[in-house]
Amino acid sequence: MKLLVRNLSRATTEQELRTLFAAHGKVTTCNLVLDKETGQSKGFAFVEMPNDIESKSAIKALNQLSVDKSKIRVKYADE
């Protein structure tokens, strides 16, 4: 399942996201979206988890969680 993670702090790294989601199950990909010109985070990312039960658990546990002083939002990505 592909998840959309929004409202990320510009300081949050891809590795931090992978670790955060891995606590809830297997993460196949983690892609922090970066600005092409500056290389800075655009404040959102996509995380893929192959197991539906684990992805639901991650959404329930991580949605509205405060990470790097930002309350993140996690939901299924529109395909």
PDB file of N, CA and C in Angstrom:
ATOM      1  N   MET A   1       0.849  -1.177   0.000  1.00  0.00           N
ATOM      2  CA  MET A   1       0.000   0.000   0.000  1.00  0.00           C
ATOM      3  C   MET A   1       0.899   1.245   0.000  1.00  0.00           C
ATOM      4  N   LYS A   2       0.521   2.196  -0.813  1.00  0.00           N
ATOM      5  CA  LYS A   2       1.286   3.431  -0.904  1.00  0.00           C
ATOM      6  C   LYS A   2       0.648   4.470   0.014  1.00  0.00           C
ATOM      7  N   LEU A   3       1.457   5.023   0.897  1.00  0.00           N
ATOM      8  CA  LEU A   3       0.988   6.010   1.862  1.00  0.00           C
ATOM      9  C   LEU A   3       1.561   7.383   1.538  1.00  0.00           C
ATOM     10  N   LEU A   4       0.773   8.397   1.769  1.00  0.00           N
ATOM     11  CA  LEU A   4       1.202   9.781   1.609  1.00  0.00           C
ATOM     12  C   LEU A   4       1.411  10.357   2.998  1.00  0.00           C
ATOM     13  N   VAL A   5       2.582  10.932   3.212  1.00  0.00           N
ATOM     14  CA  VAL A   5       2.916  11.552   4.497  1.00  0.00           C
ATOM     15  C   VAL A   5       3.082  13.043   4.230  1.00  0.00           C
ATOM     16  N   ARG A   6       2.250  13.859   4.873  1.00  0.00           N
ATOM     17  CA  ARG A   6       2.268  15.306   4.624  1.00  0.00           C
ATOM     18  C   ARG A   6       2.601  16.071   5.893  1.00  0.00           C
ATOM     19  N   ASN A   7       2.861  17.364   5.701  1.00  0.00           N
ATOM     20  CA  ASN A   7       3.156  18.287   6.786  1.00  0.00           C
ATOM     21  C   ASN A   7       4.444  17.926   7.527  1.00  0.00           C
ATOM     22  N   LEU A   8       5.422  17.431   6.766  1.00  0.00           N
ATOM     23  CA  LEU A   8       6.711  17.090   7.364  1.00  0.00           C
ATOM     24  C   LEU A   8       7.552  18.338   7.585  1.00  0.00           C
ATOM     25  N   SER A   9       8.316  18.334   8.643  1.00  0.00           N
ATOM     26  CA  SER A   9       9.288  19.391   8.877  1.00  0.00           C
ATOM     27  C   SER A   9      10.347  19.306   7.791  1.00  0.00           C
ATOM     28  N   ARG A  10      10.891  20.416   7.393  1.00  0.00           N
ATOM     29  CA  ARG A  10      11.963  20.429   6.380  1.00  0.00           C
ATOM     30  C   ARG A  10      13.210  19.701   6.898  1.00  0.00           C
ATOM     31  N   ALA A  11      13.305  19.541   8.210  1.00  0.00           N
ATOM     32  CA  ALA A  11      14.469  18.889   8.814  1.00  0.00           C
ATOM     33  C   ALA A  11      14.346  17.360   8.837  1.00  0.00           C
ATOM     34  N   THR A  12      13.156  16.824   8.625  1.00  0.00           N
ATOM     35  CA  THR A  12      12.950  15.376   8.679  1.00  0.00           C
ATOM     36  C   THR A  12      13.634  14.714   7.489  1.00  0.00           C
ATOM     37  N   THR A  13      14.389  13.650   7.757  1.00  0.00           N
ATOM     38  CA  THR A  13      15.110  12.953   6.695  1.00  0.00           C
ATOM     39  C   THR A  13      14.361  11.693   6.250  1.00  0.00           C
ATOM     40  N   GLU A  14      14.748  11.199   5.092  1.00  0.00           N
ATOM     41  CA  GLU A  14      14.159   9.971   4.567  1.00  0.00           C
ATOM     42  C   GLU A  14      14.439   8.792   5.505  1.00  0.00           C
ATOM     43  N   GLN A  15      15.638   8.756   6.071  1.00  0.00           N
ATOM     44  CA  GLN A  15      15.990   7.666   6.989  1.00  0.00           C
ATOM     45  C   GLN A  15      15.140   7.715   8.259  1.00  0.00           C
ATOM     46  N   GLU A  16      14.877   8.900   8.772  1.00  0.00           N
ATOM     47  CA  GLU A  16      14.019   9.030   9.951  1.00  0.00           C
ATOM     48  C   GLU A  16      12.606   8.518   9.652  1.00  0.00           C
ATOM     49  N   LEU A  17      12.102   8.842   8.463  1.00  0.00           N
ATOM     50  CA  LEU A  17      10.779   8.365   8.066  1.00  0.00           C
ATOM     51  C   LEU A  17      10.750   6.849   7.955  1.00  0.00           C
ATOM     52  N   ARG A  18      11.770   6.294   7.317  1.00  0.00           N
ATOM     53  CA  ARG A  18      11.847   4.839   7.145  1.00  0.00           C
ATOM     54  C   ARG A  18      11.839   4.154   8.512  1.00  0.00           C
ATOM     55  N   THR A  19      12.598   4.679   9.456  1.00  0.00           N
ATOM     56  CA  THR A  19      12.666   4.117  10.806  1.00  0.00           C
ATOM     57  C   THR A  19      11.321   4.224  11.508  1.00  0.00           C
ATOM     58  N   LEU A  20      10.664   5.358  11.364  1.00  0.00           N
ATOM     59  CA  LEU A  20       9.362   5.595  11.981  1.00  0.00           C
ATOM     60  C   LEU A  20       8.328   4.578  11.491  1.00  0.00           C
ATOM     61  N   PHE A  21       8.285   4.359  10.181  1.00  0.00           N
ATOM     62  CA  PHE A  21       7.308   3.436   9.611  1.00  0.00           C
ATOM     63  C   PHE A  21       7.707   1.982   9.812  1.00  0.00           C
ATOM     64  N   ALA A  22       8.989   1.684   9.830  1.00  0.00           N
ATOM     65  CA  ALA A  22       9.464   0.307  10.006  1.00  0.00           C
ATOM     66  C   ALA A  22       9.064  -0.265  11.360  1.00  0.00           C
ATOM     67  N   ALA A  23       8.792   0.595  12.316  1.00  0.00           N
ATOM     68  CA  ALA A  23       8.330   0.136  13.630  1.00  0.00           C
ATOM     69  C   ALA A  23       6.947  -0.515  13.529  1.00  0.00           C
ATOM     70  N   HIS A  24       6.256  -0.303  12.404  1.00  0.00           N
ATOM     71  CA  HIS A  24       4.906  -0.834  12.221  1.00  0.00           C
ATOM     72  C   HIS A  24       4.835  -1.934  11.168  1.00  0.00           C
ATOM     73  N   GLY A  25       5.970  -2.233  10.524  1.00  0.00           N
ATOM     74  CA  GLY A  25       5.986  -3.287   9.517  1.00  0.00           C
ATOM     75  C   GLY A  25       7.057  -3.048   8.474  1.00  0.00           C
ATOM     76  N   LYS A  26       7.026  -3.878   7.446  1.00  0.00           N
ATOM     77  CA  LYS A  26       8.023  -3.799   6.380  1.00  0.00           C
ATOM     78  C   LYS A  26       7.775  -2.582   5.488  1.00  0.00           C
ATOM     79  N   VAL A  27       8.857  -1.848   5.211  1.00  0.00           N
ATOM     80  CA  VAL A  27       8.803  -0.696   4.317  1.00  0.00           C
ATOM     81  C   VAL A  27       9.567  -1.072   3.054  1.00  0.00           C
ATOM     82  N   THR A  28       8.884  -1.055   1.902  1.00  0.00           N
ATOM     83  CA  THR A  28       9.574  -1.400   0.658  1.00  0.00           C
ATOM     84  C   THR A  28      10.257  -0.189   0.042  1.00  0.00           C
ATOM     85  N   THR A  29       9.593   0.963   0.064  1.00  0.00           N
ATOM     86  CA  THR A  29      10.216   2.189  -0.429  1.00  0.00           C
ATOM     87  C   THR A  29       9.810   3.361   0.443  1.00  0.00           C
ATOM     88  N   CYS A  30      10.701   4.333   0.494  1.00  0.00           N
ATOM     89  CA  CYS A  30      10.448   5.579   1.204  1.00  0.00           C
ATOM     90  C   CYS A  30      11.037   6.684   0.334  1.00  0.00           C
ATOM     91  N   ASN A  31      10.194   7.601  -0.113  1.00  0.00           N
ATOM     92  CA  ASN A  31      10.643   8.634  -1.039  1.00  0.00           C
ATOM     93  C   ASN A  31      10.250  10.012  -0.521  1.00  0.00           C
ATOM     94  N   LEU A  32      11.216  10.722   0.036  1.00  0.00           N
ATOM     95  CA  LEU A  32      11.014  12.097   0.483  1.00  0.00           C
ATOM     96  C   LEU A  32      11.112  12.995  -0.747  1.00  0.00           C
ATOM     97  N   VAL A  33      10.087  13.789  -1.002  1.00  0.00           N
ATOM     98  CA  VAL A  33      10.054  14.630  -2.195  1.00  0.00           C
ATOM     99  C   VAL A  33      10.877  15.887  -1.948  1.00  0.00           C
ATOM    100  N   LEU A  34      11.850  16.117  -2.852  1.00  0.00           N
ATOM    101  CA  LEU A  34      12.764  17.246  -2.724  1.00  0.00           C
ATOM    102  C   LEU A  34      12.543  18.263  -3.839  1.00  0.00           C
ATOM    103  N   ASP A  35      12.802  19.533  -3.522  1.00  0.00           N
ATOM    104  CA  ASP A  35      12.757  20.597  -4.514  1.00  0.00           C
ATOM    105  C   ASP A  35      13.961  20.423  -5.441  1.00  0.00           C
ATOM    106  N   LYS A  36      13.745  20.442  -6.742  1.00  0.00           N
ATOM    107  CA  LYS A  36      14.822  20.212  -7.709  1.00  0.00           C
ATOM    108  C   LYS A  36      15.903  21.289  -7.662  1.00  0.00           C
ATOM    109  N   GLU A  37      15.512  22.518  -7.395  1.00  0.00           N
ATOM    110  CA  GLU A  37      16.469  23.620  -7.399  1.00  0.00           C
ATOM    111  C   GLU A  37      17.277  23.714  -6.112  1.00  0.00           C
ATOM    112  N   THR A  38      16.602  23.578  -4.978  1.00  0.00           N
ATOM    113  CA  THR A  38      17.289  23.792  -3.701  1.00  0.00           C
ATOM    114  C   THR A  38      17.742  22.498  -3.028  1.00  0.00           C
ATOM    115  N   GLY A  39      17.135  21.381  -3.398  1.00  0.00           N
ATOM    116  CA  GLY A  39      17.457  20.119  -2.738  1.00  0.00           C
ATOM    117  C   GLY A  39      16.806  19.982  -1.367  1.00  0.00           C
ATOM    118  N   GLN A  40      16.003  20.970  -0.980  1.00  0.00           N
ATOM    119  CA  GLN A  40      15.308  20.961   0.307  1.00  0.00           C
ATOM    120  C   GLN A  40      14.022  20.134   0.205  1.00  0.00           C
ATOM    121  N   SER A  41      13.611  19.581   1.327  1.00  0.00           N
ATOM    122  CA  SER A  41      12.367  18.820   1.389  1.00  0.00           C
ATOM    123  C   SER A  41      11.189  19.724   1.055  1.00  0.00           C
ATOM    124  N   LYS A  42      10.227  19.158   0.326  1.00  0.00           N
ATOM    125  CA  LYS A  42       8.995  19.900   0.028  1.00  0.00           C
ATOM    126  C   LYS A  42       7.944  19.682   1.112  1.00  0.00           C
ATOM    127  N   GLY A  43       8.275  18.859   2.122  1.00  0.00           N
ATOM    128  CA  GLY A  43       7.362  18.675   3.244  1.00  0.00           C
ATOM    129  C   GLY A  43       6.405  17.506   3.104  1.00  0.00           C
ATOM    130  N   PHE A  44       6.650  16.640   2.102  1.00  0.00           N
ATOM    131  CA  PHE A  44       5.831  15.444   2.007  1.00  0.00           C
ATOM    132  C   PHE A  44       6.644  14.296   1.437  1.00  0.00           C
ATOM    133  N   ALA A  45       6.110  13.080   1.625  1.00  0.00           N
ATOM    134  CA  ALA A  45       6.822  11.883   1.199  1.00  0.00           C
ATOM    135  C   ALA A  45       5.827  10.779   0.881  1.00  0.00           C
ATOM    136  N   PHE A  46       6.339   9.762   0.187  1.00  0.00           N
ATOM    137  CA  PHE A  46       5.559   8.564  -0.087  1.00  0.00           C
ATOM    138  C   PHE A  46       6.274   7.379   0.538  1.00  0.00           C
ATOM    139  N   VAL A  47       5.512   6.549   1.235  1.00  0.00           N
ATOM    140  CA  VAL A  47       6.051   5.346   1.877  1.00  0.00           C
ATOM    141  C   VAL A  47       5.217   4.168   1.383  1.00  0.00           C
ATOM    142  N   GLU A  48       5.896   3.109   0.943  1.00  0.00           N
ATOM    143  CA  GLU A  48       5.174   1.917   0.510  1.00  0.00           C
ATOM    144  C   GLU A  48       5.396   0.782   1.488  1.00  0.00           C
ATOM    145  N   MET A  49       4.283   0.187   1.902  1.00  0.00           N
ATOM    146  CA  MET A  49       4.294  -0.966   2.808  1.00  0.00           C
ATOM    147  C   MET A  49       3.460  -2.059   2.144  1.00  0.00           C
ATOM    148  N   PRO A  50       4.031  -3.251   1.931  1.00  0.00           N
ATOM    149  CA  PRO A  50       3.315  -4.287   1.185  1.00  0.00           C
ATOM    150  C   PRO A  50       2.150  -4.933   1.934  1.00  0.00           C
ATOM    151  N   ASN A  51       2.147  -4.876   3.242  1.00  0.00           N
ATOM    152  CA  ASN A  51       1.128  -5.549   4.033  1.00  0.00           C
ATOM    153  C   ASN A  51       0.032  -4.555   4.429  1.00  0.00           C
ATOM    154  N   ASP A  52      -1.217  -4.868   4.064  1.00  0.00           N
ATOM    155  CA  ASP A  52      -2.339  -3.978   4.333  1.00  0.00           C
ATOM    156  C   ASP A  52      -2.570  -3.753   5.826  1.00  0.00           C
ATOM    157  N   ILE A  53      -2.451  -4.800   6.624  1.00  0.00           N
ATOM    158  CA  ILE A  53      -2.662  -4.690   8.074  1.00  0.00           C
ATOM    159  C   ILE A  53      -1.596  -3.784   8.695  1.00  0.00           C
ATOM    160  N   GLU A  54      -0.345  -3.951   8.253  1.00  0.00           N
ATOM    161  CA  GLU A  54       0.743  -3.111   8.772  1.00  0.00           C
ATOM    162  C   GLU A  54       0.570  -1.658   8.347  1.00  0.00           C
ATOM    163  N   SER A  55       0.140  -1.430   7.111  1.00  0.00           N
ATOM    164  CA  SER A  55      -0.036  -0.045   6.659  1.00  0.00           C
ATOM    165  C   SER A  55      -1.177   0.632   7.422  1.00  0.00           C
ATOM    166  N   LYS A  56      -2.259  -0.109   7.700  1.00  0.00           N
ATOM    167  CA  LYS A  56      -3.348   0.460   8.502  1.00  0.00           C
ATOM    168  C   LYS A  56      -2.873   0.787   9.912  1.00  0.00           C
ATOM    169  N   SER A  57      -2.034  -0.086  10.467  1.00  0.00           N
ATOM    170  CA  SER A  57      -1.473   0.150  11.792  1.00  0.00           C
ATOM    171  C   SER A  57      -0.609   1.411  11.799  1.00  0.00           C
ATOM    172  N   ALA A  58       0.186   1.582  10.759  1.00  0.00           N
ATOM    173  CA  ALA A  58       1.053   2.767  10.657  1.00  0.00           C
ATOM    174  C   ALA A  58       0.221   4.041  10.567  1.00  0.00           C
ATOM    175  N   ILE A  59      -0.837   4.010   9.769  1.00  0.00           N
ATOM    176  CA  ILE A  59      -1.703   5.192   9.641  1.00  0.00           C
ATOM    177  C   ILE A  59      -2.314   5.534  10.997  1.00  0.00           C
ATOM    178  N   LYS A  60      -2.846   4.529  11.656  1.00  0.00           N
ATOM    179  CA  LYS A  60      -3.508   4.752  12.952  1.00  0.00           C
ATOM    180  C   LYS A  60      -2.528   5.313  13.986  1.00  0.00           C
ATOM    181  N   ALA A  61      -1.314   4.775  14.020  1.00  0.00           N
ATOM    182  CA  ALA A  61      -0.333   5.181  15.024  1.00  0.00           C
ATOM    183  C   ALA A  61       0.357   6.504  14.702  1.00  0.00           C
ATOM    184  N   LEU A  62       0.577   6.777  13.412  1.00  0.00           N
ATOM    185  CA  LEU A  62       1.421   7.918  13.046  1.00  0.00           C
ATOM    186  C   LEU A  62       0.660   9.159  12.603  1.00  0.00           C
ATOM    187  N   ASN A  63      -0.592   9.011  12.166  1.00  0.00           N
ATOM    188  CA  ASN A  63      -1.353  10.189  11.750  1.00  0.00           C
ATOM    189  C   ASN A  63      -1.535  11.122  12.941  1.00  0.00           C
ATOM    190  N   GLN A  64      -1.215  12.379  12.747  1.00  0.00           N
ATOM    191  CA  GLN A  64      -1.283  13.429  13.767  1.00  0.00           C
ATOM    192  C   GLN A  64      -0.172  13.340  14.820  1.00  0.00           C
ATOM    193  N   LEU A  65       0.845  12.517  14.569  1.00  0.00           N
ATOM    194  CA  LEU A  65       1.983  12.418  15.480  1.00  0.00           C
ATOM    195  C   LEU A  65       2.908  13.617  15.275  1.00  0.00           C
ATOM    196  N   SER A  66       3.461  14.124  16.340  1.00  0.00           N
ATOM    197  CA  SER A  66       4.404  15.229  16.246  1.00  0.00           C
ATOM    198  C   SER A  66       5.802  14.685  15.957  1.00  0.00           C
ATOM    199  N   VAL A  67       6.361  15.086  14.812  1.00  0.00           N
ATOM    200  CA  VAL A  67       7.697  14.669  14.380  1.00  0.00           C
ATOM    201  C   VAL A  67       8.473  15.929  14.021  1.00  0.00           C
ATOM    202  N   ASP A  68       9.605  16.141  14.656  1.00  0.00           N
ATOM    203  CA  ASP A  68      10.409  17.351  14.424  1.00  0.00           C
ATOM    204  C   ASP A  68       9.560  18.615  14.533  1.00  0.00           C
ATOM    205  N   LYS A  69       8.701  18.664  15.549  1.00  0.00           N
ATOM    206  CA  LYS A  69       7.848  19.812  15.862  1.00  0.00           C
ATOM    207  C   LYS A  69       6.758  20.090  14.823  1.00  0.00           C
ATOM    208  N   SER A  70       6.480  19.104  13.965  1.00  0.00           N
ATOM    209  CA  SER A  70       5.380  19.227  13.002  1.00  0.00           C
ATOM    210  C   SER A  70       4.423  18.059  13.203  1.00  0.00           C
ATOM    211  N   LYS A  71       3.140  18.331  13.195  1.00  0.00           N
ATOM    212  CA  LYS A  71       2.137  17.279  13.335  1.00  0.00           C
ATOM    213  C   LYS A  71       1.897  16.700  11.940  1.00  0.00           C
ATOM    214  N   ILE A  72       2.421  15.489  11.705  1.00  0.00           N
ATOM    215  CA  ILE A  72       2.332  14.899  10.373  1.00  0.00           C
ATOM    216  C   ILE A  72       0.941  14.323  10.111  1.00  0.00           C
ATOM    217  N   ARG A  73       0.612  14.195   8.818  1.00  0.00           N
ATOM    218  CA  ARG A  73      -0.639  13.575   8.409  1.00  0.00           C
ATOM    219  C   ARG A  73      -0.286  12.391   7.516  1.00  0.00           C
ATOM    220  N   VAL A  74      -0.891  11.246   7.805  1.00  0.00           N
ATOM    221  CA  VAL A  74      -0.616  10.019   7.058  1.00  0.00           C
ATOM    222  C   VAL A  74      -1.928   9.455   6.547  1.00  0.00           C
ATOM    223  N   LYS A  75      -1.980   9.135   5.249  1.00  0.00           N
ATOM    224  CA  LYS A  75      -3.167   8.535   4.660  1.00  0.00           C
ATOM    225  C   LYS A  75      -2.751   7.711   3.440  1.00  0.00           C
ATOM    226  N   TYR A  76      -3.696   6.947   2.913  1.00  0.00           N
ATOM    227  CA  TYR A  76      -3.415   6.203   1.689  1.00  0.00           C
ATOM    228  C   TYR A  76      -3.259   7.209   0.543  1.00  0.00           C
ATOM    229  N   ALA A  77      -2.264   6.977  -0.295  1.00  0.00           N
ATOM    230  CA  ALA A  77      -2.042   7.852  -1.449  1.00  0.00           C
ATOM    231  C   ALA A  77      -3.046   7.504  -2.535  1.00  0.00           C
ATOM    232  N   ASP A  78      -3.531   8.503  -3.235  1.00  0.00           N
ATOM    233  CA  ASP A  78      -4.404   8.263  -4.375  1.00  0.00           C
ATOM    234  C   ASP A  78      -3.551   7.766  -5.519  1.00  0.00           C
ATOM    235  N   GLU A  79      -3.899   6.623  -6.047  1.00  0.00           N
ATOM    236  CA  GLU A  79      -3.109   6.017  -7.126  1.00  0.00           C
ATOM    237  C   GLU A  79      -3.540   6.564  -8.465  1.00  0.00           C
TER     238      GLU A  79
END
